[in-house]
Amino acid sequence: MWRRMAIYRLLHQAQSVFDPDLVAVMGRAYEEVVKTLCLDAGDPLRELIAREVIALTKAGERDPARLKVLTIQALQN
């Protein structure tokens, strides 16, 4: 199921090939970052978060908790 969250939209647009379990991991990490930062549905920061989660995953990170921490750290820099 493709929800209209930025991460799923970007993965679909880029035609990125990730295994379904990994897509679920990225989705969880993305949702946790958004929840932690208390972002509204239309906040443009959501797309930046999605891009960062995807980039970290492409670089080899697979742990959703670590993806969350690294994404938040990247946003602070």
PDB file of N, CA and C in Angstrom:
ATOM      1  N   MET A   1       0.837  -1.175   0.000  1.00  0.00           N
ATOM      2  CA  MET A   1       0.000   0.000   0.000  1.00  0.00           C
ATOM      3  C   MET A   1       0.889   1.247   0.000  1.00  0.00           C
ATOM      4  N   TRP A   2       0.671   2.124  -0.963  1.00  0.00           N
ATOM      5  CA  TRP A   2       1.443   3.351  -1.075  1.00  0.00           C
ATOM      6  C   TRP A   2       0.693   4.486  -0.412  1.00  0.00           C
ATOM      7  N   ARG A   3       1.076   4.822   0.792  1.00  0.00           N
ATOM      8  CA  ARG A   3       0.498   5.984   1.438  1.00  0.00           C
ATOM      9  C   ARG A   3       1.169   7.205   0.842  1.00  0.00           C
ATOM     10  N   ARG A   4       0.552   8.342   0.953  1.00  0.00           N
ATOM     11  CA  ARG A   4       1.069   9.555   0.341  1.00  0.00           C
ATOM     12  C   ARG A   4       2.101  10.261   1.202  1.00  0.00           C
ATOM     13  N   MET A   5       2.832   9.531   2.011  1.00  0.00           N
ATOM     14  CA  MET A   5       3.917  10.137   2.781  1.00  0.00           C
ATOM     15  C   MET A   5       5.073  10.396   1.830  1.00  0.00           C
ATOM     16  N   ALA A   6       5.829  11.427   2.136  1.00  0.00           N
ATOM     17  CA  ALA A   6       6.934  11.840   1.263  1.00  0.00           C
ATOM     18  C   ALA A   6       7.876  10.687   0.932  1.00  0.00           C
ATOM     19  N   ILE A   7       8.188   9.853   1.899  1.00  0.00           N
ATOM     20  CA  ILE A   7       9.165   8.792   1.636  1.00  0.00           C
ATOM     21  C   ILE A   7       8.661   7.810   0.582  1.00  0.00           C
ATOM     22  N   TYR A   8       7.390   7.446   0.660  1.00  0.00           N
ATOM     23  CA  TYR A   8       6.854   6.494  -0.309  1.00  0.00           C
ATOM     24  C   TYR A   8       6.722   7.140  -1.689  1.00  0.00           C
ATOM     25  N   ARG A   9       6.349   8.411  -1.690  1.00  0.00           N
ATOM     26  CA  ARG A   9       6.232   9.129  -2.956  1.00  0.00           C
ATOM     27  C   ARG A   9       7.601   9.239  -3.628  1.00  0.00           C
ATOM     28  N   LEU A  10       8.637   9.587  -2.860  1.00  0.00           N
ATOM     29  CA  LEU A  10       9.979   9.715  -3.426  1.00  0.00           C
ATOM     30  C   LEU A  10      10.524   8.369  -3.907  1.00  0.00           C
ATOM     31  N   LEU A  11      10.281   7.318  -3.151  1.00  0.00           N
ATOM     32  CA  LEU A  11      10.728   5.993  -3.583  1.00  0.00           C
ATOM     33  C   LEU A  11      10.047   5.592  -4.885  1.00  0.00           C
ATOM     34  N   HIS A  12       8.772   5.893  -4.982  1.00  0.00           N
ATOM     35  CA  HIS A  12       8.025   5.569  -6.195  1.00  0.00           C
ATOM     36  C   HIS A  12       8.520   6.391  -7.383  1.00  0.00           C
ATOM     37  N   GLN A  13       8.717   7.691  -7.183  1.00  0.00           N
ATOM     38  CA  GLN A  13       9.174   8.570  -8.267  1.00  0.00           C
ATOM     39  C   GLN A  13      10.560   8.177  -8.760  1.00  0.00           C
ATOM     40  N   ALA A  14      11.412   7.807  -7.842  1.00  0.00           N
ATOM     41  CA  ALA A  14      12.791   7.464  -8.209  1.00  0.00           C
ATOM     42  C   ALA A  14      12.892   6.046  -8.753  1.00  0.00           C
ATOM     43  N   GLN A  15      11.819   5.314  -8.663  1.00  0.00           N
ATOM     44  CA  GLN A  15      11.793   3.916  -9.063  1.00  0.00           C
ATOM     45  C   GLN A  15      12.919   3.138  -8.379  1.00  0.00           C
ATOM     46  N   SER A  16      13.148   3.510  -7.112  1.00  0.00           N
ATOM     47  CA  SER A  16      14.169   2.832  -6.319  1.00  0.00           C
ATOM     48  C   SER A  16      13.737   1.402  -6.045  1.00  0.00           C
ATOM     49  N   VAL A  17      14.704   0.530  -6.083  1.00  0.00           N
ATOM     50  CA  VAL A  17      14.409  -0.880  -5.855  1.00  0.00           C
ATOM     51  C   VAL A  17      14.956  -1.266  -4.478  1.00  0.00           C
ATOM     52  N   PHE A  18      14.028  -1.359  -3.542  1.00  0.00           N
ATOM     53  CA  PHE A  18      14.362  -1.821  -2.202  1.00  0.00           C
ATOM     54  C   PHE A  18      13.419  -2.969  -1.893  1.00  0.00           C
ATOM     55  N   ASP A  19      13.906  -3.919  -1.164  1.00  0.00           N
ATOM     56  CA  ASP A  19      13.081  -5.043  -0.744  1.00  0.00           C
ATOM     57  C   ASP A  19      11.956  -4.512   0.155  1.00  0.00           C
ATOM     58  N   PRO A  20      10.782  -5.120   0.095  1.00  0.00           N
ATOM     59  CA  PRO A  20       9.626  -4.628   0.854  1.00  0.00           C
ATOM     60  C   PRO A  20       9.886  -4.477   2.357  1.00  0.00           C
ATOM     61  N   ASP A  21      10.671  -5.381   2.911  1.00  0.00           N
ATOM     62  CA  ASP A  21      10.989  -5.264   4.340  1.00  0.00           C
ATOM     63  C   ASP A  21      11.810  -4.010   4.614  1.00  0.00           C
ATOM     64  N   LEU A  22      12.714  -3.679   3.706  1.00  0.00           N
ATOM     65  CA  LEU A  22      13.544  -2.488   3.875  1.00  0.00           C
ATOM     66  C   LEU A  22      12.706  -1.217   3.688  1.00  0.00           C
ATOM     67  N   VAL A  23      11.759  -1.258   2.775  1.00  0.00           N
ATOM     68  CA  VAL A  23      10.844  -0.118   2.599  1.00  0.00           C
ATOM     69  C   VAL A  23      10.067   0.100   3.901  1.00  0.00           C
ATOM     70  N   ALA A  24       9.654  -0.974   4.536  1.00  0.00           N
ATOM     71  CA  ALA A  24       8.942  -0.872   5.810  1.00  0.00           C
ATOM     72  C   ALA A  24       9.832  -0.260   6.888  1.00  0.00           C
ATOM     73  N   VAL A  25      11.100  -0.648   6.925  1.00  0.00           N
ATOM     74  CA  VAL A  25      12.063  -0.088   7.879  1.00  0.00           C
ATOM     75  C   VAL A  25      12.209   1.416   7.642  1.00  0.00           C
ATOM     76  N   MET A  26      12.362   1.809   6.380  1.00  0.00           N
ATOM     77  CA  MET A  26      12.493   3.232   6.059  1.00  0.00           C
ATOM     78  C   MET A  26      11.239   3.994   6.448  1.00  0.00           C
ATOM     79  N   GLY A  27      10.085   3.401   6.196  1.00  0.00           N
ATOM     80  CA  GLY A  27       8.824   4.033   6.559  1.00  0.00           C
ATOM     81  C   GLY A  27       8.701   4.251   8.055  1.00  0.00           C
ATOM     82  N   ARG A  28       9.100   3.230   8.828  1.00  0.00           N
ATOM     83  CA  ARG A  28       9.058   3.357  10.290  1.00  0.00           C
ATOM     84  C   ARG A  28       9.990   4.462  10.773  1.00  0.00           C
ATOM     85  N   ALA A  29      11.206   4.483  10.226  1.00  0.00           N
ATOM     86  CA  ALA A  29      12.178   5.502  10.635  1.00  0.00           C
ATOM     87  C   ALA A  29      11.656   6.902  10.291  1.00  0.00           C
ATOM     88  N   TYR A  30      11.141   7.052   9.088  1.00  0.00           N
ATOM     89  CA  TYR A  30      10.584   8.329   8.644  1.00  0.00           C
ATOM     90  C   TYR A  30       9.457   8.770   9.588  1.00  0.00           C
ATOM     91  N   GLU A  31       8.520   7.874   9.874  1.00  0.00           N
ATOM     92  CA  GLU A  31       7.393   8.204  10.738  1.00  0.00           C
ATOM     93  C   GLU A  31       7.853   8.589  12.135  1.00  0.00           C
ATOM     94  N   GLU A  32       8.864   7.907  12.645  1.00  0.00           N
ATOM     95  CA  GLU A  32       9.377   8.217  13.978  1.00  0.00           C
ATOM     96  C   GLU A  32      10.041   9.598  14.015  1.00  0.00           C
ATOM     97  N   VAL A  33      10.784   9.943  12.977  1.00  0.00           N
ATOM     98  CA  VAL A  33      11.404  11.270  12.925  1.00  0.00           C
ATOM     99  C   VAL A  33      10.324  12.349  12.883  1.00  0.00           C
ATOM    100  N   VAL A  34       9.339  12.163  12.021  1.00  0.00           N
ATOM    101  CA  VAL A  34       8.238  13.131  11.895  1.00  0.00           C
ATOM    102  C   VAL A  34       7.516  13.287  13.233  1.00  0.00           C
ATOM    103  N   LYS A  35       7.260  12.164  13.897  1.00  0.00           N
ATOM    104  CA  LYS A  35       6.573  12.186  15.190  1.00  0.00           C
ATOM    105  C   LYS A  35       7.425  12.888  16.252  1.00  0.00           C
ATOM    106  N   THR A  36       8.710  12.589  16.276  1.00  0.00           N
ATOM    107  CA  THR A  36       9.612  13.193  17.245  1.00  0.00           C
ATOM    108  C   THR A  36       9.679  14.710  17.070  1.00  0.00           C
ATOM    109  N   LEU A  37       9.666  15.157  15.823  1.00  0.00           N
ATOM    110  CA  LEU A  37       9.756  16.587  15.538  1.00  0.00           C
ATOM    111  C   LEU A  37       8.394  17.280  15.514  1.00  0.00           C
ATOM    112  N   CYS A  38       7.317  16.518  15.736  1.00  0.00           N
ATOM    113  CA  CYS A  38       5.946  17.058  15.779  1.00  0.00           C
ATOM    114  C   CYS A  38       5.613  17.879  14.535  1.00  0.00           C
ATOM    115  N   LEU A  39       5.864  17.308  13.364  1.00  0.00           N
ATOM    116  CA  LEU A  39       5.631  18.026  12.113  1.00  0.00           C
ATOM    117  C   LEU A  39       4.204  17.824  11.615  1.00  0.00           C
ATOM    118  N   ASP A  40       3.634  18.891  11.081  1.00  0.00           N
ATOM    119  CA  ASP A  40       2.311  18.824  10.467  1.00  0.00           C
ATOM    120  C   ASP A  40       2.410  18.134   9.116  1.00  0.00           C
ATOM    121  N   ALA A  41       1.278  17.692   8.609  1.00  0.00           N
ATOM    122  CA  ALA A  41       1.221  16.953   7.343  1.00  0.00           C
ATOM    123  C   ALA A  41       1.824  17.728   6.175  1.00  0.00           C
ATOM    124  N   GLY A  42       1.652  19.036   6.129  1.00  0.00           N
ATOM    125  CA  GLY A  42       2.140  19.808   4.990  1.00  0.00           C
ATOM    126  C   GLY A  42       3.520  20.407   5.174  1.00  0.00           C
ATOM    127  N   ASP A  43       4.205  20.057   6.233  1.00  0.00           N
ATOM    128  CA  ASP A  43       5.516  20.652   6.510  1.00  0.00           C
ATOM    129  C   ASP A  43       6.539  20.230   5.458  1.00  0.00           C
ATOM    130  N   PRO A  44       7.204  21.206   4.811  1.00  0.00           N
ATOM    131  CA  PRO A  44       8.182  20.870   3.771  1.00  0.00           C
ATOM    132  C   PRO A  44       9.400  20.108   4.300  1.00  0.00           C
ATOM    133  N   LEU A  45       9.616  20.152   5.593  1.00  0.00           N
ATOM    134  CA  LEU A  45      10.734  19.408   6.185  1.00  0.00           C
ATOM    135  C   LEU A  45      10.554  17.901   6.010  1.00  0.00           C
ATOM    136  N   ARG A  46       9.322  17.461   5.837  1.00  0.00           N
ATOM    137  CA  ARG A  46       9.055  16.024   5.652  1.00  0.00           C
ATOM    138  C   ARG A  46       9.777  15.461   4.426  1.00  0.00           C
ATOM    139  N   GLU A  47       9.845  16.235   3.362  1.00  0.00           N
ATOM    140  CA  GLU A  47      10.536  15.749   2.165  1.00  0.00           C
ATOM    141  C   GLU A  47      12.038  15.633   2.424  1.00  0.00           C
ATOM    142  N   LEU A  48      12.599  16.590   3.136  1.00  0.00           N
ATOM    143  CA  LEU A  48      14.018  16.530   3.484  1.00  0.00           C
ATOM    144  C   LEU A  48      14.303  15.304   4.347  1.00  0.00           C
ATOM    145  N   ILE A  49      13.411  15.019   5.274  1.00  0.00           N
ATOM    146  CA  ILE A  49      13.553  13.829   6.124  1.00  0.00           C
ATOM    147  C   ILE A  49      13.525  12.569   5.263  1.00  0.00           C
ATOM    148  N   ALA A  50      12.589  12.512   4.356  1.00  0.00           N
ATOM    149  CA  ALA A  50      12.480  11.337   3.475  1.00  0.00           C
ATOM    150  C   ALA A  50      13.754  11.151   2.661  1.00  0.00           C
ATOM    151  N   ARG A  51      14.253  12.234   2.095  1.00  0.00           N
ATOM    152  CA  ARG A  51      15.482  12.143   1.295  1.00  0.00           C
ATOM    153  C   ARG A  51      16.661  11.653   2.130  1.00  0.00           C
ATOM    154  N   GLU A  52      16.745  12.118   3.366  1.00  0.00           N
ATOM    155  CA  GLU A  52      17.849  11.717   4.247  1.00  0.00           C
ATOM    156  C   GLU A  52      17.737  10.240   4.622  1.00  0.00           C
ATOM    157  N   VAL A  53      16.542   9.779   4.962  1.00  0.00           N
ATOM    158  CA  VAL A  53      16.343   8.366   5.296  1.00  0.00           C
ATOM    159  C   VAL A  53      16.722   7.489   4.104  1.00  0.00           C
ATOM    160  N   ILE A  54      16.305   7.883   2.919  1.00  0.00           N
ATOM    161  CA  ILE A  54      16.644   7.113   1.712  1.00  0.00           C
ATOM    162  C   ILE A  54      18.155   7.100   1.493  1.00  0.00           C
ATOM    163  N   ALA A  55      18.793   8.259   1.633  1.00  0.00           N
ATOM    164  CA  ALA A  55      20.248   8.337   1.432  1.00  0.00           C
ATOM    165  C   ALA A  55      20.995   7.464   2.436  1.00  0.00           C
ATOM    166  N   LEU A  56      20.586   7.519   3.692  1.00  0.00           N
ATOM    167  CA  LEU A  56      21.242   6.697   4.712  1.00  0.00           C
ATOM    168  C   LEU A  56      21.049   5.206   4.437  1.00  0.00           C
ATOM    169  N   THR A  57      19.870   4.851   3.959  1.00  0.00           N
ATOM    170  CA  THR A  57      19.596   3.452   3.630  1.00  0.00           C
ATOM    171  C   THR A  57      20.442   3.016   2.440  1.00  0.00           C
ATOM    172  N   LYS A  58      20.529   3.873   1.438  1.00  0.00           N
ATOM    173  CA  LYS A  58      21.384   3.550   0.279  1.00  0.00           C
ATOM    174  C   LYS A  58      22.840   3.384   0.694  1.00  0.00           C
ATOM    175  N   ALA A  59      23.243   4.117   1.755  1.00  0.00           N
ATOM    176  CA  ALA A  59      24.623   4.022   2.253  1.00  0.00           C
ATOM    177  C   ALA A  59      24.841   2.777   3.107  1.00  0.00           C
ATOM    178  N   GLY A  60      23.751   2.034   3.387  1.00  0.00           N
ATOM    179  CA  GLY A  60      23.926   0.764   4.082  1.00  0.00           C
ATOM    180  C   GLY A  60      23.270   0.640   5.443  1.00  0.00           C
ATOM    181  N   GLU A  61      22.726   1.729   5.984  1.00  0.00           N
ATOM    182  CA  GLU A  61      22.087   1.634   7.301  1.00  0.00           C
ATOM    183  C   GLU A  61      20.765   0.886   7.188  1.00  0.00           C
ATOM    184  N   ARG A  62      20.515  -0.036   8.102  1.00  0.00           N
ATOM    185  CA  ARG A  62      19.302  -0.849   8.052  1.00  0.00           C
ATOM    186  C   ARG A  62      18.501  -0.837   9.346  1.00  0.00           C
ATOM    187  N   ASP A  63      19.068  -0.303  10.397  1.00  0.00           N
ATOM    188  CA  ASP A  63      18.416  -0.289  11.701  1.00  0.00           C
ATOM    189  C   ASP A  63      17.515   0.945  11.816  1.00  0.00           C
ATOM    190  N   PRO A  64      16.194   0.757  12.019  1.00  0.00           N
ATOM    191  CA  PRO A  64      15.290   1.905  12.049  1.00  0.00           C
ATOM    192  C   PRO A  64      15.603   2.914  13.159  1.00  0.00           C
ATOM    193  N   ALA A  65      16.033   2.434  14.317  1.00  0.00           N
ATOM    194  CA  ALA A  65      16.374   3.345  15.413  1.00  0.00           C
ATOM    195  C   ALA A  65      17.592   4.198  15.038  1.00  0.00           C
ATOM    196  N   ARG A  66      18.557   3.562  14.422  1.00  0.00           N
ATOM    197  CA  ARG A  66      19.769   4.295  13.993  1.00  0.00           C
ATOM    198  C   ARG A  66      19.437   5.249  12.853  1.00  0.00           C
ATOM    199  N   LEU A  67      18.575   4.827  11.926  1.00  0.00           N
ATOM    200  CA  LEU A  67      18.144   5.714  10.851  1.00  0.00           C
ATOM    201  C   LEU A  67      17.502   6.972  11.428  1.00  0.00           C
ATOM    202  N   LYS A  68      16.679   6.788  12.452  1.00  0.00           N
ATOM    203  CA  LYS A  68      16.026   7.934  13.098  1.00  0.00           C
ATOM    204  C   LYS A  68      17.062   8.889  13.687  1.00  0.00           C
ATOM    205  N   VAL A  69      17.987   8.356  14.466  1.00  0.00           N
ATOM    206  CA  VAL A  69      18.997   9.188  15.123  1.00  0.00           C
ATOM    207  C   VAL A  69      19.863   9.905  14.089  1.00  0.00           C
ATOM    208  N   LEU A  70      20.326   9.179  13.093  1.00  0.00           N
ATOM    209  CA  LEU A  70      21.192   9.787  12.067  1.00  0.00           C
ATOM    210  C   LEU A  70      20.462  10.841  11.249  1.00  0.00           C
ATOM    211  N   THR A  71      19.182  10.624  10.981  1.00  0.00           N
ATOM    212  CA  THR A  71      18.387  11.600  10.230  1.00  0.00           C
ATOM    213  C   THR A  71      18.234  12.882  11.042  1.00  0.00           C
ATOM    214  N   ILE A  72      17.915  12.753  12.308  1.00  0.00           N
ATOM    215  CA  ILE A  72      17.762  13.941  13.161  1.00  0.00           C
ATOM    216  C   ILE A  72      19.093  14.677  13.271  1.00  0.00           C
ATOM    217  N   GLN A  73      20.187  13.944  13.413  1.00  0.00           N
ATOM    218  CA  GLN A  73      21.507  14.573  13.474  1.00  0.00           C
ATOM    219  C   GLN A  73      21.805  15.331  12.195  1.00  0.00           C
ATOM    220  N   ALA A  74      21.479  14.744  11.045  1.00  0.00           N
ATOM    221  CA  ALA A  74      21.731  15.398   9.763  1.00  0.00           C
ATOM    222  C   ALA A  74      20.924  16.688   9.639  1.00  0.00           C
ATOM    223  N   LEU A  75      19.716  16.694  10.161  1.00  0.00           N
ATOM    224  CA  LEU A  75      18.875  17.891  10.095  1.00  0.00           C
ATOM    225  C   LEU A  75      19.417  19.011  10.980  1.00  0.00           C
ATOM    226  N   GLN A  76      20.126  18.648  12.021  1.00  0.00           N
ATOM    227  CA  GLN A  76      20.677  19.641  12.951  1.00  0.00           C
ATOM    228  C   GLN A  76      21.958  20.272  12.419  1.00  0.00           C
ATOM    229  N   ASN A  77      22.569  19.635  11.441  1.00  0.00           N
ATOM    230  CA  ASN A  77      23.841  20.169  10.887  1.00  0.00           C
ATOM    231  C   ASN A  77      23.605  21.161   9.783  1.00  0.00           C
TER     232      ASN A  77
END
